């Protein structure tokens, strides 16, 4: 078991190592679509790469979500075959969002032996999410 401080230190070490290993300027929050973001996630149980559609009013969220769902077969067949679509997802802070994600289980930010495979997973899947976004950005913005 790790103390809160040790856990924080490991998280910082991981993300610093990730940035050094893959010094790419990821799109993340810079999608030019309000409340439409890509995120990396890694905790003690799993790693995820997500595309989040955050609340900007339910109507606007559903409009954007419907565009993503219309592209689902393309995303799955051409980019991310294991993508999971969740139209209703509740974050830890109780905020409701819609999310598409891919995850890797049985990895832990507390276990440095899983870091390399996690970094590769995060990099490869974010590259695929970004390629999809760049190809269909006009549809999503329209």
Foldseek 3Di string as FASTA:
>chain_A
DDDPVRQVVLVVVLVVVLCVVPVDDFCAVVLPDPQWGWDWDAAAWKTKIKTKRFDPDPVVQVVLLVLVVVCVVVLCPPFNVQKDWAQWDADPVRGTITMIMDMDGPDHSVDPVCSVVNSVVNVRNSVRVVVVCVVCVVSSVD
